[in-house]
């Protein structure tokens, strides 16, 4: 978890670079539950990536 989408994208990219082929990752913007529960809720997807052979392929939102 980080406050910067750019840092999160970089971290996911590094993780996928050393992952097995067909691994995937998603960067999401989250916030605290508006119901006062101690949990995060999805706000939006920022980016998705998958490992395609030796390359990481990104789809930015």
PDB file of N, CA and C in Angstrom:
ATOM      1  N   UNK A   1       0.842  -1.160   0.000  1.00  0.00           N
ATOM      2  CA  UNK A   1       0.000   0.000   0.000  1.00  0.00           C
ATOM      3  C   UNK A   1       0.895   1.233   0.000  1.00  0.00           C
ATOM      4  N   UNK A   2       0.489   2.209  -0.784  1.00  0.00           N
ATOM      5  CA  UNK A   2       1.218   3.461  -0.876  1.00  0.00           C
ATOM      6  C   UNK A   2       0.230   4.571  -1.218  1.00  0.00           C
ATOM      7  N   UNK A   3       0.616   5.780  -0.976  1.00  0.00           N
ATOM      8  CA  UNK A   3      -0.221   6.928  -1.319  1.00  0.00           C
ATOM      9  C   UNK A   3      -0.034   7.397  -2.740  1.00  0.00           C
ATOM     10  N   UNK A   4       0.862   6.761  -3.484  1.00  0.00           N
ATOM     11  CA  UNK A   4       1.183   7.195  -4.845  1.00  0.00           C
ATOM     12  C   UNK A   4       0.876   6.105  -5.859  1.00  0.00           C
ATOM     13  N   UNK A   5      -0.031   6.374  -6.800  1.00  0.00           N
ATOM     14  CA  UNK A   5      -0.293   5.389  -7.846  1.00  0.00           C
ATOM     15  C   UNK A   5       0.958   5.063  -8.658  1.00  0.00           C
ATOM     16  N   UNK A   6       1.819   6.034  -8.886  1.00  0.00           N
ATOM     17  CA  UNK A   6       3.043   5.791  -9.646  1.00  0.00           C
ATOM     18  C   UNK A   6       3.958   4.799  -8.937  1.00  0.00           C
ATOM     19  N   UNK A   7       4.082   4.932  -7.624  1.00  0.00           N
ATOM     20  CA  UNK A   7       4.909   3.998  -6.846  1.00  0.00           C
ATOM     21  C   UNK A   7       4.283   2.613  -6.869  1.00  0.00           C
ATOM     22  N   UNK A   8       2.965   2.535  -6.758  1.00  0.00           N
ATOM     23  CA  UNK A   8       2.281   1.237  -6.785  1.00  0.00           C
ATOM     24  C   UNK A   8       2.480   0.553  -8.138  1.00  0.00           C
ATOM     25  N   UNK A   9       2.382   1.307  -9.225  1.00  0.00           N
ATOM     26  CA  UNK A   9       2.591   0.745 -10.559  1.00  0.00           C
ATOM     27  C   UNK A   9       4.023   0.232 -10.689  1.00  0.00           C
ATOM     28  N   UNK A  10       4.976   0.996 -10.198  1.00  0.00           N
ATOM     29  CA  UNK A  10       6.379   0.576 -10.239  1.00  0.00           C
ATOM     30  C   UNK A  10       6.583  -0.716  -9.434  1.00  0.00           C
ATOM     31  N   UNK A  11       6.009  -0.778  -8.244  1.00  0.00           N
ATOM     32  CA  UNK A  11       6.154  -1.969  -7.396  1.00  0.00           C
ATOM     33  C   UNK A  11       5.538  -3.208  -8.043  1.00  0.00           C
ATOM     34  N   UNK A  12       4.355  -3.068  -8.625  1.00  0.00           N
ATOM     35  CA  UNK A  12       3.714  -4.201  -9.292  1.00  0.00           C
ATOM     36  C   UNK A  12       4.547  -4.630 -10.501  1.00  0.00           C
ATOM     37  N   UNK A  13       5.074  -3.671 -11.233  1.00  0.00           N
ATOM     38  CA  UNK A  13       5.925  -3.994 -12.377  1.00  0.00           C
ATOM     39  C   UNK A  13       7.152  -4.784 -11.974  1.00  0.00           C
ATOM     40  N   UNK A  14       7.803  -4.375 -10.892  1.00  0.00           N
ATOM     41  CA  UNK A  14       8.977  -5.113 -10.397  1.00  0.00           C
ATOM     42  C   UNK A  14       8.605  -6.526  -9.975  1.00  0.00           C
ATOM     43  N   UNK A  15       7.484  -6.661  -9.286  1.00  0.00           N
ATOM     44  CA  UNK A  15       7.047  -7.988  -8.829  1.00  0.00           C
ATOM     45  C   UNK A  15       6.735  -8.894 -10.017  1.00  0.00           C
ATOM     46  N   UNK A  16       6.066  -8.359 -11.028  1.00  0.00           N
ATOM     47  CA  UNK A  16       5.731  -9.173 -12.191  1.00  0.00           C
ATOM     48  C   UNK A  16       6.960  -9.513 -13.035  1.00  0.00           C
ATOM     49  N   UNK A  17       7.951  -8.652 -13.017  1.00  0.00           N
ATOM     50  CA  UNK A  17       9.166  -8.905 -13.797  1.00  0.00           C
ATOM     51  C   UNK A  17       9.850 -10.201 -13.371  1.00  0.00           C
ATOM     52  N   UNK A  18       9.730 -10.567 -12.110  1.00  0.00           N
ATOM     53  CA  UNK A  18      10.376 -11.790 -11.602  1.00  0.00           C
ATOM     54  C   UNK A  18       9.370 -12.920 -11.359  1.00  0.00           C
ATOM     55  N   UNK A  19       8.100 -12.673 -11.699  1.00  0.00           N
ATOM     56  CA  UNK A  19       7.048 -13.673 -11.476  1.00  0.00           C
ATOM     57  C   UNK A  19       7.008 -14.689 -12.616  1.00  0.00           C
ATOM     58  N   UNK A  20       6.259 -15.743 -12.390  1.00  0.00           N
ATOM     59  CA  UNK A  20       6.036 -16.767 -13.408  1.00  0.00           C
ATOM     60  C   UNK A  20       5.205 -16.188 -14.559  1.00  0.00           C
ATOM     61  N   UNK A  21       5.383 -16.722 -15.776  1.00  0.00           N
ATOM     62  CA  UNK A  21       4.535 -16.298 -16.894  1.00  0.00           C
ATOM     63  C   UNK A  21       3.061 -16.483 -16.546  1.00  0.00           C
ATOM     64  N   UNK A  22       2.243 -15.602 -17.023  1.00  0.00           N
ATOM     65  CA  UNK A  22       0.789 -15.538 -16.817  1.00  0.00           C
ATOM     66  C   UNK A  22       0.390 -14.962 -15.460  1.00  0.00           C
ATOM     67  N   UNK A  23       1.353 -14.512 -14.636  1.00  0.00           N
ATOM     68  CA  UNK A  23       1.005 -13.827 -13.392  1.00  0.00           C
ATOM     69  C   UNK A  23       0.368 -12.482 -13.745  1.00  0.00           C
ATOM     70  N   UNK A  24      -0.413 -11.931 -12.820  1.00  0.00           N
ATOM     71  CA  UNK A  24      -1.060 -10.644 -13.079  1.00  0.00           C
ATOM     72  C   UNK A  24      -1.130  -9.826 -11.797  1.00  0.00           C
ATOM     73  N   UNK A  25      -1.380  -8.547 -11.970  1.00  0.00           N
ATOM     74  CA  UNK A  25      -1.501  -7.654 -10.828  1.00  0.00           C
ATOM     75  C   UNK A  25      -2.401  -6.480 -11.164  1.00  0.00           C
ATOM     76  N   UNK A  26      -2.993  -5.899 -10.143  1.00  0.00           N
ATOM     77  CA  UNK A  26      -3.890  -4.761 -10.313  1.00  0.00           C
ATOM     78  C   UNK A  26      -3.530  -3.687  -9.306  1.00  0.00           C
ATOM     79  N   UNK A  27      -3.538  -2.436  -9.757  1.00  0.00           N
ATOM     80  CA  UNK A  27      -3.345  -1.290  -8.864  1.00  0.00           C
ATOM     81  C   UNK A  27      -4.706  -0.629  -8.728  1.00  0.00           C
ATOM     82  N   UNK A  28      -5.146  -0.492  -7.487  1.00  0.00           N
ATOM     83  CA  UNK A  28      -6.466   0.095  -7.219  1.00  0.00           C
ATOM     84  C   UNK A  28      -6.339   1.288  -6.287  1.00  0.00           C
ATOM     85  N   UNK A  29      -7.217   2.245  -6.489  1.00  0.00           N
ATOM     86  CA  UNK A  29      -7.342   3.353  -5.537  1.00  0.00           C
ATOM     87  C   UNK A  29      -8.397   2.910  -4.519  1.00  0.00           C
ATOM     88  N   UNK A  30      -8.065   3.004  -3.251  1.00  0.00           N
ATOM     89  CA  UNK A  30      -8.982   2.583  -2.188  1.00  0.00           C
ATOM     90  C   UNK A  30      -9.159   3.713  -1.186  1.00  0.00           C
ATOM     91  N   UNK A  31     -10.154   3.580  -0.356  1.00  0.00           N
ATOM     92  CA  UNK A  31     -10.399   4.518   0.728  1.00  0.00           C
ATOM     93  C   UNK A  31     -10.947   3.771   1.920  1.00  0.00           C
ATOM     94  N   UNK A  32     -11.001   4.439   3.041  1.00  0.00           N
ATOM     95  CA  UNK A  32     -11.581   3.818   4.233  1.00  0.00           C
ATOM     96  C   UNK A  32     -13.088   3.703   4.077  1.00  0.00           C
ATOM     97  N   UNK A  33     -13.654   2.663   4.643  1.00  0.00           N
ATOM     98  CA  UNK A  33     -15.083   2.423   4.565  1.00  0.00           C
ATOM     99  C   UNK A  33     -15.859   3.623   5.109  1.00  0.00           C
ATOM    100  N   UNK A  34     -16.861   4.093   4.365  1.00  0.00           N
ATOM    101  CA  UNK A  34     -17.677   5.212   4.860  1.00  0.00           C
ATOM    102  C   UNK A  34     -18.605   4.798   5.993  1.00  0.00           C
ATOM    103  N   UNK A  35     -18.691   3.499   6.272  1.00  0.00           N
ATOM    104  CA  UNK A  35     -19.566   3.004   7.329  1.00  0.00           C
ATOM    105  C   UNK A  35     -18.865   2.942   8.678  1.00  0.00           C
ATOM    106  N   UNK A  36     -17.620   3.425   8.713  1.00  0.00           N
ATOM    107  CA  UNK A  36     -16.881   3.431   9.964  1.00  0.00           C
ATOM    108  C   UNK A  36     -16.213   2.111  10.289  1.00  0.00           C
ATOM    109  N   UNK A  37     -16.290   1.160   9.373  1.00  0.00           N
ATOM    110  CA  UNK A  37     -15.643  -0.132   9.592  1.00  0.00           C
ATOM    111  C   UNK A  37     -14.145   0.003   9.341  1.00  0.00           C
ATOM    112  N   UNK A  38     -13.326  -0.773  10.044  1.00  0.00           N
ATOM    113  CA  UNK A  38     -11.871  -0.707   9.826  1.00  0.00           C
ATOM    114  C   UNK A  38     -11.449  -1.517   8.598  1.00  0.00           C
ATOM    115  N   UNK A  39     -11.889  -1.068   7.428  1.00  0.00           N
ATOM    116  CA  UNK A  39     -11.564  -1.783   6.187  1.00  0.00           C
ATOM    117  C   UNK A  39     -11.474  -0.784   5.035  1.00  0.00           C
ATOM    118  N   UNK A  40     -10.794  -1.229   3.984  1.00  0.00           N
ATOM    119  CA  UNK A  40     -10.682  -0.418   2.774  1.00  0.00           C
ATOM    120  C   UNK A  40     -11.741  -0.857   1.773  1.00  0.00           C
ATOM    121  N   UNK A  41     -12.223   0.080   0.987  1.00  0.00           N
ATOM    122  CA  UNK A  41     -13.171  -0.218  -0.085  1.00  0.00           C
ATOM    123  C   UNK A  41     -12.576   0.260  -1.408  1.00  0.00           C
ATOM    124  N   UNK A  42     -12.849  -0.489  -2.466  1.00  0.00           N
ATOM    125  CA  UNK A  42     -12.381  -0.111  -3.802  1.00  0.00           C
ATOM    126  C   UNK A  42     -13.056   1.172  -4.254  1.00  0.00           C
ATOM    127  N   UNK A  43     -12.271   2.071  -4.816  1.00  0.00           N
ATOM    128  CA  UNK A  43     -12.823   3.271  -5.433  1.00  0.00           C
ATOM    129  C   UNK A  43     -12.731   3.136  -6.952  1.00  0.00           C
ATOM    130  N   UNK A  44     -11.535   2.757  -7.453  1.00  0.00           N
ATOM    131  CA  UNK A  44     -11.378   2.561  -8.887  1.00  0.00           C
ATOM    132  C   UNK A  44     -10.116   1.770  -9.189  1.00  0.00           C
ATOM    133  N   UNK A  45     -10.087   1.144 -10.352  1.00  0.00           N
ATOM    134  CA  UNK A  45      -8.872   0.505 -10.846  1.00  0.00           C
ATOM    135  C   UNK A  45      -8.029   1.569 -11.523  1.00  0.00           C
ATOM    136  N   UNK A  46      -6.753   1.582 -11.197  1.00  0.00           N
ATOM    137  CA  UNK A  46      -5.832   2.532 -11.805  1.00  0.00           C
ATOM    138  C   UNK A  46      -5.123   1.877 -12.984  1.00  0.00           C
ATOM    139  N   UNK A  47      -4.699   0.622 -12.808  1.00  0.00           N
ATOM    140  CA  UNK A  47      -3.958  -0.079 -13.855  1.00  0.00           C
ATOM    141  C   UNK A  47      -4.013  -1.578 -13.601  1.00  0.00           C
ATOM    142  N   UNK A  48      -3.868  -2.332 -14.689  1.00  0.00           N
ATOM    143  CA  UNK A  48      -3.773  -3.786 -14.605  1.00  0.00           C
ATOM    144  C   UNK A  48      -2.576  -4.213 -15.431  1.00  0.00           C
ATOM    145  N   UNK A  49      -1.936  -5.281 -15.011  1.00  0.00           N
ATOM    146  CA  UNK A  49      -0.786  -5.788 -15.764  1.00  0.00           C
ATOM    147  C   UNK A  49      -0.778  -7.303 -15.718  1.00  0.00           C
ATOM    148  N   UNK A  50      -0.131  -7.888 -16.733  1.00  0.00           N
ATOM    149  CA  UNK A  50       0.044  -9.336 -16.754  1.00  0.00           C
ATOM    150  C   UNK A  50       1.410  -9.644 -17.334  1.00  0.00           C
ATOM    151  N   UNK A  51       1.933 -10.770 -16.949  1.00  0.00           N
ATOM    152  CA  UNK A  51       3.220 -11.228 -17.473  1.00  0.00           C
ATOM    153  C   UNK A  51       2.928 -12.038 -18.724  1.00  0.00           C
ATOM    154  N   UNK A  52       3.504 -11.617 -19.837  1.00  0.00           N
ATOM    155  CA  UNK A  52       3.313 -12.273 -21.122  1.00  0.00           C
ATOM    156  C   UNK A  52       4.675 -12.763 -21.588  1.00  0.00           C
ATOM    157  N   UNK A  53       4.992 -13.997 -21.265  1.00  0.00           N
ATOM    158  CA  UNK A  53       6.337 -14.511 -21.552  1.00  0.00           C
ATOM    159  C   UNK A  53       7.347 -13.820 -20.644  1.00  0.00           C
ATOM    160  N   UNK A  54       8.207 -13.016 -21.235  1.00  0.00           N
ATOM    161  CA  UNK A  54       9.222 -12.299 -20.435  1.00  0.00           C
ATOM    162  C   UNK A  54       8.869 -10.830 -20.289  1.00  0.00           C
ATOM    163  N   UNK A  55       7.772 -10.379 -20.874  1.00  0.00           N
ATOM    164  CA  UNK A  55       7.377  -8.963 -20.826  1.00  0.00           C
ATOM    165  C   UNK A  55       6.206  -8.743 -19.871  1.00  0.00           C
ATOM    166  N   UNK A  56       6.133  -7.541 -19.316  1.00  0.00           N
ATOM    167  CA  UNK A  56       4.989  -7.121 -18.516  1.00  0.00           C
ATOM    168  C   UNK A  56       4.149  -6.196 -19.392  1.00  0.00           C
ATOM    169  N   UNK A  57       2.886  -6.565 -19.592  1.00  0.00           N
ATOM    170  CA  UNK A  57       1.981  -5.807 -20.450  1.00  0.00           C
ATOM    171  C   UNK A  57       0.991  -5.068 -19.562  1.00  0.00           C
ATOM    172  N   UNK A  58       0.918  -3.738 -19.728  1.00  0.00           N
ATOM    173  CA  UNK A  58       0.071  -2.879 -18.887  1.00  0.00           C
ATOM    174  C   UNK A  58      -1.169  -2.426 -19.633  1.00  0.00           C
ATOM    175  N   UNK A  59      -2.244  -2.261 -18.876  1.00  0.00           N
ATOM    176  CA  UNK A  59      -3.447  -1.596 -19.366  1.00  0.00           C
ATOM    177  C   UNK A  59      -3.796  -0.545 -18.317  1.00  0.00           C
ATOM    178  N   UNK A  60      -3.606   0.711 -18.675  1.00  0.00           N
ATOM    179  CA  UNK A  60      -3.882   1.820 -17.747  1.00  0.00           C
ATOM    180  C   UNK A  60      -5.322   2.266 -17.938  1.00  0.00           C
ATOM    181  N   UNK A  61      -5.920   2.702 -16.864  1.00  0.00           N
ATOM    182  CA  UNK A  61      -7.324   3.171 -16.918  1.00  0.00           C
ATOM    183  C   UNK A  61      -7.377   4.663 -17.084  1.00  0.00           C
TER     184      UNK A  61
END
